[in-house]
Protein backbone atom coordinates (compact mmCIF):
# COMPACT_ATOMS: atom_id res chain seq x y z
CA UNK A 1 -60.66 -111.58 -100.24
CA UNK A 2 -57.88 -113.75 -99.44
CA UNK A 3 -56.60 -115.70 -96.15
CA UNK A 4 -52.97 -114.43 -95.03
CA UNK A 5 -51.12 -116.69 -92.90
CA UNK A 6 -48.28 -114.72 -91.14
CA UNK A 7 -45.19 -116.60 -89.24
CA UNK A 8 -43.24 -114.40 -86.97
CA UNK A 9 -39.59 -115.69 -86.24
CA UNK A 10 -37.24 -114.45 -84.66
CA UNK A 11 -34.80 -115.95 -82.44
CA UNK A 12 -37.17 -118.68 -81.88
CA UNK A 13 -40.05 -116.89 -81.74
CA UNK A 14 -43.15 -118.68 -83.78
CA UNK A 15 -46.56 -117.51 -83.30
CA UNK A 16 -49.22 -118.12 -85.97
CA UNK A 17 -51.34 -115.47 -86.42
CA UNK A 18 -53.99 -115.67 -89.37
CA UNK A 19 -56.02 -112.45 -90.97
CA UNK A 20 -57.81 -111.68 -92.93
CA UNK A 21 -57.08 -108.54 -96.22
CA UNK A 22 -59.32 -107.45 -98.87
CA UNK A 23 -56.49 -105.80 -100.58
CA UNK A 24 -53.48 -108.16 -100.73
CA UNK A 25 -52.87 -108.56 -104.45
CA UNK A 26 -48.88 -109.31 -103.98
CA UNK A 27 -47.22 -112.64 -104.49
CA UNK A 28 -46.60 -114.99 -101.14
CA UNK A 29 -43.38 -114.15 -99.47
CA UNK A 30 -41.99 -117.95 -100.64
CA UNK A 31 -42.94 -119.60 -104.26
CA UNK A 32 -43.21 -123.82 -103.94
CA UNK A 33 -40.25 -124.84 -106.29
CA UNK A 34 -40.76 -128.13 -108.13
CA UNK A 35 -37.42 -130.09 -109.22
CA UNK A 36 -39.75 -131.03 -112.22
CA UNK A 37 -40.47 -127.27 -113.53
CA UNK A 38 -37.83 -124.78 -114.09
CA UNK A 39 -36.35 -122.88 -111.70
CA UNK A 40 -38.36 -119.62 -110.76
CA UNK A 41 -36.58 -116.43 -109.82
CA UNK A 42 -39.04 -116.08 -106.69
CA UNK A 43 -37.58 -119.04 -105.06
CA UNK A 44 -38.20 -120.02 -101.64
CA UNK A 45 -35.33 -120.55 -99.32
CA UNK A 46 -34.38 -122.38 -96.48
CA UNK A 47 -33.87 -119.21 -94.60
CA UNK A 48 -37.27 -117.84 -95.75
CA UNK A 49 -38.82 -114.96 -94.99
CA UNK A 50 -38.35 -114.16 -91.16
CA UNK A 51 -40.08 -111.16 -89.14
CA UNK A 52 -38.44 -110.08 -86.16
CA UNK A 53 -39.59 -110.80 -82.69
CA UNK A 54 -38.41 -107.67 -80.81
CA UNK A 55 -35.77 -105.24 -81.56
CA UNK A 56 -33.42 -104.97 -78.27
CA UNK A 57 -33.73 -102.12 -75.80
CA UNK A 58 -30.48 -102.56 -75.01
CA UNK A 59 -28.61 -102.58 -78.23
CA UNK A 60 -26.05 -99.83 -77.89
CA UNK A 61 -23.36 -102.57 -77.78
CA UNK A 62 -21.64 -101.13 -74.88
CA UNK A 63 -18.86 -103.95 -75.30
CA UNK A 64 -15.09 -103.27 -73.57
CA UNK A 65 -12.63 -104.54 -76.54
CA UNK A 66 -11.42 -107.58 -75.50
CA UNK A 67 -7.66 -108.69 -76.29
CA UNK A 68 -5.72 -106.89 -78.84
CA UNK A 69 -6.62 -107.68 -82.25
CA UNK A 70 -4.51 -110.66 -83.83
CA UNK A 71 -5.01 -111.71 -87.52
CA UNK A 72 -4.72 -115.44 -86.11
CA UNK A 73 -6.74 -117.78 -88.24
CA UNK A 74 -7.46 -115.00 -90.80
CA UNK A 75 -6.45 -114.73 -94.31
CA UNK A 76 -5.57 -111.38 -96.19
CA UNK A 77 -7.88 -111.05 -99.08
CA UNK A 78 -5.99 -108.51 -101.27
CA UNK A 79 -8.53 -105.82 -103.04
CA UNK A 80 -9.39 -105.69 -106.18
CA UNK A 81 -12.47 -105.13 -108.74
CA UNK A 82 -15.47 -107.54 -109.56
CA UNK A 83 -18.59 -107.98 -111.12
CA UNK A 84 -21.54 -108.57 -108.22
CA UNK A 85 -23.92 -110.57 -108.97
CA UNK A 86 -25.84 -113.16 -110.28
CA UNK A 87 -24.26 -115.66 -112.41
CA UNK A 88 -27.02 -117.98 -114.17
CA UNK A 89 -30.62 -118.60 -114.35
CA UNK A 90 -31.05 -119.33 -110.41
CA UNK A 91 -30.25 -115.91 -109.29
CA UNK A 92 -33.61 -114.18 -107.93
CA UNK A 93 -34.23 -110.20 -109.29
CA UNK A 94 -32.54 -108.27 -105.95
CA UNK A 95 -29.18 -109.86 -107.41
CA UNK A 96 -29.30 -107.76 -110.53
CA UNK A 97 -28.01 -105.82 -112.33
CA UNK A 98 -24.63 -107.15 -112.26
CA UNK A 99 -22.39 -104.05 -111.26
CA UNK A 100 -18.43 -103.79 -111.02
CA UNK A 101 -17.17 -103.24 -107.46
CA UNK A 102 -13.95 -101.83 -106.54
CA UNK A 103 -12.97 -103.09 -102.59
CA UNK A 104 -9.63 -102.45 -100.87
CA UNK A 105 -7.57 -105.31 -99.24
CA UNK A 106 -8.88 -106.84 -95.79
CA UNK A 107 -8.40 -109.71 -93.37
CA UNK A 108 -11.25 -112.15 -93.01
CA UNK A 109 -11.45 -115.11 -90.54
CA UNK A 110 -10.79 -118.45 -92.56
CA UNK A 111 -13.94 -119.89 -90.63
CA UNK A 112 -17.03 -119.02 -89.40
CA UNK A 113 -16.87 -118.30 -85.60
CA UNK A 114 -16.90 -121.25 -83.28
CA UNK A 115 -18.47 -122.24 -80.08
CA UNK A 116 -15.23 -122.13 -78.33
CA UNK A 117 -14.02 -118.83 -79.59
CA UNK A 118 -17.62 -117.27 -79.17
CA UNK A 119 -17.58 -118.90 -75.34
CA UNK A 120 -14.01 -116.77 -74.62
CA UNK A 121 -16.27 -113.60 -75.31
CA UNK A 122 -19.42 -114.81 -73.46
CA UNK A 123 -17.54 -115.17 -70.09
CA UNK A 124 -14.77 -112.16 -71.03
CA UNK A 125 -17.95 -109.73 -71.66
CA UNK A 126 -20.71 -111.10 -69.25
CA UNK A 127 -22.75 -111.39 -72.36
CA UNK A 128 -26.29 -112.33 -72.79
CA UNK A 129 -27.23 -113.47 -76.51
CA UNK A 130 -31.00 -112.26 -77.65
CA UNK A 131 -32.20 -116.11 -77.82
CA UNK A 132 -31.62 -115.74 -73.90
CA UNK A 133 -33.60 -113.46 -73.39
CA UNK A 134 -37.56 -112.80 -73.19
CA UNK A 135 -39.28 -110.98 -76.30
CA UNK A 136 -41.03 -107.85 -75.85
CA UNK A 137 -44.37 -107.61 -77.76
CA UNK A 138 -44.18 -103.97 -77.54
CA UNK A 139 -41.16 -103.92 -79.87
CA UNK A 140 -42.27 -107.31 -81.63
CA UNK A 141 -46.17 -105.32 -82.92
CA UNK A 142 -43.93 -102.31 -84.37
CA UNK A 143 -42.30 -104.83 -87.14
CA UNK A 144 -45.57 -106.55 -87.83
CA UNK A 145 -48.82 -105.38 -90.01
CA UNK A 146 -51.06 -102.91 -87.70
CA UNK A 147 -53.71 -104.63 -85.77
CA UNK A 148 -51.65 -108.03 -85.30
CA UNK A 149 -53.32 -109.66 -82.82
CA UNK A 150 -50.68 -110.20 -79.46
CA UNK A 151 -49.51 -114.22 -80.24
CA UNK A 152 -50.55 -116.21 -76.99
CA UNK A 153 -48.36 -115.28 -73.82
CA UNK A 154 -46.75 -119.02 -74.03
CA UNK A 155 -44.18 -118.05 -76.77
CA UNK A 156 -42.65 -115.17 -74.43
CA UNK A 157 -40.25 -116.67 -73.43
CA UNK A 158 -36.11 -117.04 -73.80
CA UNK A 159 -36.14 -119.94 -76.84
CA UNK A 160 -35.19 -120.06 -80.01
CA UNK A 161 -35.89 -121.89 -83.48
CA UNK A 162 -34.61 -125.33 -84.05
CA UNK A 163 -35.06 -127.36 -87.45
CA UNK A 164 -37.80 -130.36 -87.14
CA UNK A 165 -38.01 -132.51 -89.81
CA UNK A 166 -41.63 -133.58 -91.65
CA UNK A 167 -42.69 -137.19 -91.76
CA UNK A 168 -43.26 -136.78 -95.27
CA UNK A 169 -43.35 -134.58 -98.26
CA UNK A 170 -44.91 -130.93 -97.35
CA UNK A 171 -45.89 -127.88 -99.35
CA UNK A 172 -42.81 -125.79 -99.15
CA UNK A 173 -44.29 -122.77 -98.93
CA UNK A 174 -45.00 -123.08 -95.26
CA UNK A 175 -41.85 -122.93 -93.35
CA UNK A 176 -43.43 -123.18 -89.97
CA UNK A 177 -43.80 -126.88 -90.51
CA UNK A 178 -40.07 -127.52 -90.00
CA UNK A 179 -39.38 -125.10 -87.69
CA UNK A 180 -40.18 -125.52 -84.05
CA UNK A 181 -40.52 -122.45 -81.06
CA UNK A 182 -37.99 -124.28 -78.45
CA UNK A 183 -37.86 -123.06 -75.05
CA UNK A 184 -34.32 -122.87 -73.86
CA UNK A 185 -32.82 -123.54 -77.35
CA UNK A 186 -29.60 -120.79 -77.92
CA UNK A 187 -26.01 -121.17 -78.64
CA UNK A 188 -25.26 -123.05 -75.57
CA UNK A 189 -28.68 -126.06 -77.14
CA UNK A 190 -28.17 -125.62 -80.70
CA UNK A 191 -31.01 -128.22 -81.07
CA UNK A 192 -33.07 -127.62 -77.82
CA UNK A 193 -32.65 -127.49 -73.85
CA UNK A 194 -31.62 -131.35 -74.46
CA UNK A 195 -28.88 -130.54 -76.11
CA UNK A 196 -24.92 -129.02 -75.49
CA UNK A 197 -21.94 -128.14 -76.94
CA UNK A 198 -19.65 -130.69 -75.06
CA UNK A 199 -17.18 -132.07 -77.91
CA UNK A 200 -18.92 -129.53 -80.23
CA UNK A 201 -16.13 -126.61 -79.68
CA UNK A 202 -14.89 -126.65 -83.51
CA UNK A 203 -18.30 -126.37 -84.68
CA UNK A 204 -20.13 -122.76 -86.08
CA UNK A 205 -21.88 -121.06 -83.14
CA UNK A 206 -25.82 -120.63 -84.15
CA UNK A 207 -28.51 -119.15 -82.91
CA UNK A 208 -26.74 -115.78 -83.11
CA UNK A 209 -28.67 -112.57 -84.26
CA UNK A 210 -27.06 -109.65 -85.64
CA UNK A 211 -26.58 -107.91 -82.46
CA UNK A 212 -24.85 -110.81 -80.86
CA UNK A 213 -22.35 -111.06 -84.21
CA UNK A 214 -21.79 -106.82 -83.83
CA UNK A 215 -21.01 -107.07 -80.18
CA UNK A 216 -18.47 -110.02 -80.76
CA UNK A 217 -16.92 -108.34 -83.44
CA UNK A 218 -16.38 -105.18 -81.71
CA UNK A 219 -14.93 -107.13 -78.55
CA UNK A 220 -12.83 -108.70 -80.74
CA UNK A 221 -11.61 -105.70 -82.42
CA UNK A 222 -13.06 -106.49 -85.62
CA UNK A 223 -16.53 -105.96 -87.91
CA UNK A 224 -18.72 -107.95 -90.23
CA UNK A 225 -17.99 -108.13 -93.43
CA UNK A 226 -20.03 -105.89 -95.90
CA UNK A 227 -22.04 -107.45 -98.46
CA UNK A 228 -19.38 -107.07 -101.22
CA UNK A 229 -16.32 -108.04 -99.33
CA UNK A 230 -18.35 -111.25 -98.36
CA UNK A 231 -19.08 -112.10 -101.93
CA UNK A 232 -15.70 -111.08 -102.75
CA UNK A 233 -14.03 -113.31 -100.51
CA UNK A 234 -16.35 -115.97 -101.00
CA UNK A 235 -15.61 -115.95 -105.11
CA UNK A 236 -11.46 -117.06 -103.98
CA UNK A 237 -10.28 -115.17 -107.32
CA UNK A 238 -12.71 -116.96 -109.74
CA UNK A 239 -14.55 -114.93 -112.15
CA UNK A 240 -18.22 -114.84 -112.30
CA UNK A 241 -18.61 -118.29 -111.10
CA UNK A 242 -21.16 -119.68 -109.44
CA UNK A 243 -19.98 -121.46 -106.76
CA UNK A 244 -16.59 -120.83 -104.54
CA UNK A 245 -15.36 -123.87 -106.30
CA UNK A 246 -16.21 -122.82 -109.93
CA UNK A 247 -18.97 -123.69 -111.93
CA UNK A 248 -19.68 -127.53 -111.10
CA UNK A 249 -22.78 -128.42 -109.82
CA UNK A 250 -22.87 -129.02 -106.20
CA UNK A 251 -24.07 -132.33 -106.20
CA UNK A 252 -21.73 -133.66 -109.37
CA UNK A 253 -18.57 -135.05 -108.29
CA UNK A 254 -17.13 -134.88 -104.70
CA UNK A 255 -18.77 -133.85 -101.70
CA UNK A 256 -18.07 -129.48 -101.57
CA UNK A 257 -20.43 -128.46 -98.69
CA UNK A 258 -22.67 -129.27 -95.96
CA UNK A 259 -26.07 -129.08 -97.63
CA UNK A 260 -29.08 -130.94 -97.78
CA UNK A 261 -28.87 -133.88 -100.17
CA UNK A 262 -32.37 -135.84 -100.65
CA UNK A 263 -35.61 -134.67 -100.29
CA UNK A 264 -36.00 -131.63 -97.82
CA UNK A 265 -37.45 -131.36 -95.59
CA UNK A 266 -37.61 -134.91 -94.35
CA UNK A 267 -35.03 -137.23 -96.13
CA UNK A 268 -31.49 -136.50 -95.90
CA UNK A 269 -29.05 -138.78 -97.85
CA UNK A 270 -26.08 -137.65 -95.74
CA UNK A 271 -23.68 -138.08 -98.32
CA UNK A 272 -21.56 -135.31 -96.99
CA UNK A 273 -21.87 -137.69 -93.16
CA UNK A 274 -23.63 -134.42 -91.82
CA UNK A 275 -26.96 -134.05 -90.91
CA UNK A 276 -26.91 -130.41 -88.76
CA UNK A 277 -24.02 -127.94 -88.55
CA UNK A 278 -20.41 -129.92 -89.08
CA UNK A 279 -17.07 -128.66 -87.63
CA UNK A 280 -15.32 -126.10 -89.21
CA UNK A 281 -12.71 -126.78 -91.98
CA UNK A 282 -14.66 -129.96 -93.02
CA UNK A 283 -14.84 -129.26 -96.59
CA UNK A 284 -11.82 -127.80 -98.98
CA UNK A 285 -11.28 -124.16 -98.86
CA UNK A 286 -12.12 -121.64 -101.92
CA UNK A 287 -8.82 -119.78 -103.55
CA UNK A 288 -8.46 -117.94 -100.67
CA UNK A 289 -7.64 -120.46 -97.98
CA UNK A 290 -11.77 -119.73 -96.92
CA UNK A 291 -13.77 -122.68 -95.41
CA UNK A 292 -17.16 -123.18 -95.56
CA UNK A 293 -18.12 -119.94 -97.72
CA UNK A 294 -21.14 -122.16 -98.97
CA UNK A 295 -23.80 -124.20 -96.99
CA UNK A 296 -23.06 -125.26 -93.01
CA UNK A 297 -24.72 -121.89 -91.67
CA UNK A 298 -25.40 -118.86 -93.28
CA UNK A 299 -23.57 -115.68 -92.29
CA UNK A 300 -24.51 -112.41 -91.03
CA UNK A 301 -22.85 -109.44 -92.99
CA UNK A 302 -22.95 -105.65 -92.32
CA UNK A 303 -25.37 -104.37 -94.58
CA UNK A 304 -29.44 -103.48 -94.73
CA UNK A 305 -31.05 -105.75 -96.87
CA UNK A 306 -33.08 -103.73 -99.52
CA UNK A 307 -34.20 -105.91 -102.38
CA UNK A 308 -33.26 -102.23 -104.91
CA UNK A 309 -30.18 -101.49 -103.68
CA UNK A 310 -27.73 -103.01 -106.92
CA UNK A 311 -29.88 -100.93 -108.95
CA UNK A 312 -28.83 -97.67 -107.08
CA UNK A 313 -25.45 -98.07 -107.21
CA UNK A 314 -24.25 -99.26 -110.46
CA UNK A 315 -22.42 -97.15 -112.49
CA UNK A 316 -20.27 -97.47 -115.89
CA UNK A 317 -17.18 -96.77 -113.75
CA UNK A 318 -17.76 -98.85 -110.71
CA UNK A 319 -18.77 -98.42 -107.51
CA UNK A 320 -15.65 -98.15 -104.76
CA UNK A 321 -16.26 -99.60 -100.97
CA UNK A 322 -19.76 -100.18 -101.35
CA UNK A 323 -21.88 -100.37 -97.35
CA UNK A 324 -24.89 -101.05 -98.56
CA UNK A 325 -28.51 -99.15 -98.67
CA UNK A 326 -28.61 -96.54 -96.09
CA UNK A 327 -32.49 -98.50 -95.49
CA UNK A 328 -33.78 -101.72 -94.92
CA UNK A 329 -36.73 -102.96 -97.66
CA UNK A 330 -38.45 -106.15 -98.09
CA UNK A 331 -41.22 -105.95 -100.44
CA UNK A 332 -42.04 -109.09 -98.74
CA UNK A 333 -42.32 -107.73 -95.19
CA UNK A 334 -42.13 -104.21 -95.39
CA UNK A 335 -42.39 -103.74 -91.71
CA UNK A 336 -39.29 -105.67 -90.65
CA UNK A 337 -35.81 -103.97 -90.48
CA UNK A 338 -33.29 -106.92 -92.05
CA UNK A 339 -29.61 -107.17 -92.65
CA UNK A 340 -28.17 -109.17 -95.43
CA UNK A 341 -26.99 -113.14 -94.76
CA UNK A 342 -24.78 -114.91 -97.16
CA UNK A 343 -23.63 -118.29 -98.07
CA UNK A 344 -26.36 -121.23 -97.08
CA UNK A 345 -26.62 -123.47 -94.94
CA UNK A 346 -26.94 -127.43 -94.24
CA UNK A 347 -30.61 -127.14 -94.82
CA UNK A 348 -30.19 -125.86 -98.45
CA UNK A 349 -31.09 -128.05 -101.09
CA UNK A 350 -30.53 -127.30 -105.03
CA UNK A 351 -34.05 -128.35 -105.98
CA UNK A 352 -35.45 -125.11 -104.10
CA UNK A 353 -33.27 -123.38 -102.68
CA UNK A 354 -29.43 -122.42 -104.12
CA UNK A 355 -28.21 -120.36 -101.17
CA UNK A 356 -24.79 -121.66 -101.39
CA UNK A 357 -24.60 -120.06 -104.75
CA UNK A 358 -21.57 -116.91 -103.75
CA UNK A 359 -24.22 -114.00 -105.35
CA UNK A 360 -27.31 -115.24 -103.35
CA UNK A 361 -28.78 -113.21 -101.00
CA UNK A 362 -31.01 -113.63 -98.03
CA UNK A 363 -31.92 -111.44 -95.32
CA UNK A 364 -33.40 -111.43 -91.77
CA UNK A 365 -34.01 -109.20 -88.88
CA UNK A 366 -31.63 -108.01 -86.69
CA UNK A 367 -32.82 -109.78 -83.62
CA UNK A 368 -33.41 -113.21 -85.28
CA UNK A 369 -31.10 -116.30 -84.54
CA UNK A 370 -32.18 -119.64 -85.85
CA UNK A 371 -30.02 -123.18 -85.50
CA UNK A 372 -28.51 -122.58 -88.64
CA UNK A 373 -27.35 -118.73 -88.50
CA UNK A 374 -23.81 -117.86 -87.41
CA UNK A 375 -20.82 -115.67 -88.57
CA UNK A 376 -17.46 -114.87 -89.47
CA UNK A 377 -15.45 -111.46 -89.00
CA UNK A 378 -13.08 -109.20 -91.28
CA UNK A 379 -10.53 -106.84 -90.06
CA UNK A 380 -8.46 -104.13 -92.03
CA UNK A 381 -5.16 -103.68 -92.33
């Protein structure tokens, strides 16, 4: 008999539920990685595996397009072909097999969508984000194992997850130790209700669910990038390199991205000068002129996450314009429907999480939003 600890996270909902399973034989959702040992395949990530809080009943995205689409603050990325997937020993099983992808050209935002840009959208569309809405248990329980008990009523309030450092070293498999459920935390209050975004207009907007990101894109006349488009853009014209800047380790040489430097989750050396998110364009762009394709905040993609997807599209001639799996499948959390997120965040550390690798795939449920999760848009010609 094995005690399992399920932590329900989404847009900030943190409800710890213990239950007993007599037949559970699969690996835990997270594997602790210690710097003194080789990097393991099933790596825990600062994003980790996060079930949903609830599915919005009103997600028809009835958003009226805003101003005419323009390509201001976007870069045209030429079409071409590349080998998509893992490039080094840190790659996880879902990054293989490495396979040929052929893409048409597209426009992509030079940086993550900012607080200022999102504020304009919210005012024009009178939009309310997922984190500002009360969770619905009837929807939440559809995404957790049958029989899961209802959490305490205190968690069913508009809220979101805020990072909270620990006082010392902790077991990295229990991510509830550094996330706290904060009532009143949302895109306007990134660190909790006492915080605000005054003077942070050029910072990436966070606490954004996939639904929020899609709504913004629709209003702006754009869309979210496919996972393949995101990786092609992140590589910046380099072939089979590990990071947007090449193969030099993130901790070697000059500062390259906003990540966690030191011992996660309690000591950050601040070599990059940022504890939380950084203003856009704080670090050098990649070869396509794109900023923060590694670190700062995670970015939503359009695709469903399916750990088996790469093996289904691998052909000798390559796959053209892949749009992702038609279904969501995460073996660690089979009840939750997830979308791909890419790029890593300011909480990623090389010793246990290589989220800033261009091939690194992570996932979260569509209604999830946290202090280190944002997005950028793409547009067709």
